[in-house]
Protein backbone atom coordinates (compact mmCIF):
# COMPACT_ATOMS: atom_id res chain seq x y z
CA MET A 1 12.37 7.17 39.18
CA GLY A 2 10.01 4.91 41.09
CA ALA A 3 9.12 2.58 38.22
CA ALA A 4 7.66 -0.75 39.34
CA ARG A 5 9.53 -2.49 36.54
CA HIS A 6 11.22 -1.57 33.31
CA LEU A 7 10.04 -3.32 30.18
CA VAL A 8 11.66 -3.14 26.76
CA LEU A 9 9.61 -4.30 23.79
CA LYS A 10 11.15 -4.60 20.34
CA LEU A 11 8.93 -3.14 17.63
CA ASP A 12 9.69 -2.88 13.96
CA LEU A 13 7.45 -0.22 12.50
CA SER A 14 9.45 -0.36 9.27
CA ALA A 15 7.20 -3.29 8.36
CA ILE A 16 4.38 -0.72 8.11
CA GLY A 17 6.51 2.09 6.62
CA GLY A 18 4.78 5.22 5.38
CA SER A 19 7.14 7.64 7.13
CA ALA A 20 10.62 9.06 6.73
CA LEU A 21 11.31 7.53 10.15
CA THR A 22 10.28 4.00 9.19
CA ASP A 23 11.00 3.80 5.46
CA ARG A 24 14.55 4.36 4.21
CA ALA A 25 13.17 5.29 0.77
CA ILE A 26 11.64 8.48 2.24
CA GLU A 27 14.20 11.18 2.99
CA VAL A 28 14.26 12.78 6.45
CA PRO A 29 13.71 16.53 5.89
CA THR A 30 16.33 19.05 6.96
CA ALA A 31 14.96 22.19 5.31
CA GLY A 32 12.54 23.22 8.03
CA VAL A 33 9.08 22.48 9.27
CA LYS A 34 6.37 23.05 6.67
CA GLY A 35 2.61 23.25 7.15
CA GLY A 36 0.48 20.13 7.28
CA ILE A 37 1.40 16.68 8.49
CA PRO A 38 5.13 16.11 7.91
CA VAL A 39 6.68 13.06 6.24
CA THR A 40 8.12 12.21 9.66
CA TYR A 41 4.63 11.34 10.93
CA VAL A 42 4.64 7.59 11.67
CA PRO A 43 1.20 6.10 10.96
CA ALA A 44 -0.57 5.33 14.25
CA ARG A 45 2.74 5.32 16.20
CA ASN A 46 1.40 6.94 19.36
CA THR A 47 -1.72 4.78 19.25
CA ILE A 48 0.46 1.67 18.99
CA LEU A 49 2.79 2.81 21.77
CA LEU A 50 -0.02 3.97 24.05
CA SER A 51 -1.84 0.67 23.46
CA LEU A 52 1.23 -1.22 24.63
CA ALA A 53 1.58 1.13 27.60
CA LEU A 54 -2.11 0.60 28.38
CA GLY A 55 -1.69 -3.17 28.45
CA TRP A 56 1.38 -2.85 30.68
CA ALA A 57 -0.39 -0.35 32.97
CA GLU A 58 -3.30 -2.74 33.33
CA VAL A 59 -0.99 -5.64 34.25
CA LEU A 60 0.85 -3.48 36.81
CA GLY A 61 -2.34 -1.97 38.21
CA ALA A 62 -1.08 1.51 37.30
CA GLY A 63 -3.56 4.35 37.26
CA HIS A 64 -1.64 6.70 34.96
CA ILE A 65 0.10 6.65 31.59
CA PHE A 66 2.34 9.60 30.72
CA MET A 67 3.26 10.65 27.18
CA GLY A 68 5.85 13.23 26.16
CA ALA A 69 3.95 14.98 23.35
CA ASN A 70 4.30 18.76 23.34
CA ALA A 71 2.97 21.91 21.71
CA VAL A 72 5.51 21.91 18.87
CA ASP A 73 4.62 18.30 18.00
CA TYR A 74 0.87 18.64 17.92
CA SER A 75 1.01 21.43 15.36
CA GLY A 76 1.80 18.79 12.74
CA TYR A 77 1.19 15.41 14.33
CA PRO A 78 -2.48 14.56 14.91
CA ASP A 79 -1.63 11.98 17.59
CA CYS A 80 0.11 14.56 19.80
CA ARG A 81 -2.93 16.79 20.36
CA PRO A 82 -4.65 17.21 23.73
CA GLU A 83 -7.92 15.99 22.21
CA TYR A 84 -6.17 12.81 21.05
CA LEU A 85 -4.94 12.13 24.59
CA ARG A 86 -8.47 12.67 25.93
CA ALA A 87 -9.91 10.34 23.28
CA PHE A 88 -7.33 7.63 24.03
CA GLU A 89 -8.09 7.91 27.74
CA ALA A 90 -11.81 7.56 27.02
CA MET A 91 -11.12 4.47 24.91
CA ALA A 92 -8.86 3.03 27.62
CA ASN A 93 -11.62 3.42 30.15
CA LEU A 94 -14.14 1.79 27.86
CA ALA A 95 -12.05 -1.14 26.67
CA THR A 96 -10.15 -2.47 29.67
CA LYS A 97 -10.97 -4.90 32.44
CA ALA A 98 -9.39 -2.47 34.91
CA ALA A 99 -11.83 0.30 34.01
CA VAL A 100 -14.86 -1.98 33.93
CA GLU A 101 -13.89 -3.06 37.46
CA GLY A 102 -13.64 0.58 38.55
CA ARG A 103 -9.90 1.21 38.20
CA LYS A 104 -9.79 4.13 35.75
CA ILE A 105 -6.59 4.87 33.85
CA GLU A 106 -5.59 8.47 33.25
CA VAL A 107 -3.58 9.39 30.16
CA ARG A 108 -1.51 12.52 30.67
CA GLY A 109 0.71 14.66 28.49
CA PRO A 110 2.40 17.00 30.99
CA LEU A 111 4.46 18.68 28.27
CA VAL A 112 1.64 19.10 25.76
CA ASP A 113 1.22 22.85 26.25
CA LEU A 114 4.89 23.69 26.74
CA PRO A 115 7.20 25.10 24.10
CA LYS A 116 10.64 23.47 23.81
CA ALA A 117 12.31 26.24 25.86
CA LYS A 118 10.03 25.51 28.83
CA ILE A 119 10.70 21.78 28.48
CA VAL A 120 14.46 22.43 28.62
CA GLN A 121 14.02 24.61 31.72
CA LEU A 122 11.74 22.05 33.39
CA ALA A 123 14.19 19.21 32.69
CA LEU A 124 16.99 21.18 34.33
CA GLU A 125 14.79 22.13 37.31
CA LEU A 126 13.96 18.43 37.80
CA GLY A 127 17.62 17.42 37.55
CA VAL A 128 17.27 15.69 34.18
CA ASP A 129 20.39 16.02 32.04
CA PRO A 130 19.14 16.77 28.51
CA ALA A 131 22.33 15.16 27.17
CA ILE A 132 20.89 11.73 28.04
CA THR A 133 17.79 12.36 25.92
CA VAL A 134 17.40 12.03 22.16
CA SER A 135 15.05 13.97 19.87
CA CYS A 136 16.85 13.27 16.60
CA TYR A 137 15.07 11.62 13.69
CA GLN A 138 18.27 9.92 12.52
CA PRO A 139 20.80 9.43 15.34
CA ASP A 140 23.98 7.52 14.58
CA ALA A 141 24.83 4.06 15.94
CA GLU A 142 26.28 5.67 19.10
CA GLY A 143 23.06 7.60 19.76
CA ARG A 144 24.48 10.97 18.73
CA ALA A 145 22.05 13.38 17.10
CA CYS A 146 22.55 14.37 13.47
CA GLY A 147 22.12 18.09 14.18
CA ALA A 148 20.41 18.71 10.84
CA CYS A 149 16.94 17.16 10.91
CA ASP A 150 13.87 19.16 11.94
CA ALA A 151 13.80 17.55 15.40
CA CYS A 152 17.42 18.59 16.04
CA ARG A 153 16.81 22.11 14.75
CA ILE A 154 13.69 22.51 16.93
CA ARG A 155 15.62 21.16 19.92
CA ARG A 156 18.53 23.57 19.37
CA ALA A 157 16.07 26.45 19.07
CA GLY A 158 14.52 25.38 22.40
CA PHE A 159 17.90 25.55 24.13
CA ASP A 160 18.60 28.93 22.52
CA ALA A 161 15.20 30.31 23.59
CA ALA A 162 15.79 29.02 27.12
CA GLY A 163 19.22 30.68 27.20
CA VAL A 164 20.79 27.35 28.12
CA ARG A 165 23.86 25.66 26.62
CA ASP A 166 22.82 22.68 24.50
CA THR A 167 24.55 19.60 25.94
CA THR A 168 23.12 17.26 23.29
CA ARG A 169 25.68 14.86 21.81
CA TYR A 170 25.80 15.76 18.11
CA ALA A 171 27.73 13.68 15.56
CA GLY A 172 30.76 15.55 14.29
CA GLU A 173 30.93 17.98 17.23
């Protein structure tokens, strides 16, 4: 995909907890998306991840950071909103050597305004096999989606709305 290098960092956000995705004592919901910020919100997750991406971008001399937040996410997750991406970009261009030296970094969320159905269609148009992607909040050890959590249900609905067969690997199917 044209990446200069691939970097894998191990992070353990369970040390912070505070979310059904990082604290085993908090149950992952399967009864549908409710109003407000869901228990699957991970405190400062996107800020942490974007900060790491920012550091890596600065080392590589990259001018762009891309994030996969989308319209469905930002309805409940404050760190998936377009204004959050703009604010992070402003901070990145205030707080980095690269920006001070005139090398601005753009933070983009190309999926931010797209519903899941459009994301499915775009993936297929770009030749991305959705089966190699994971949305699930609690995949099994083999990376198969649970099929029951809110992320799986929203994903399935996106495939249905797009009129496309869901090729996601679900446990038990």
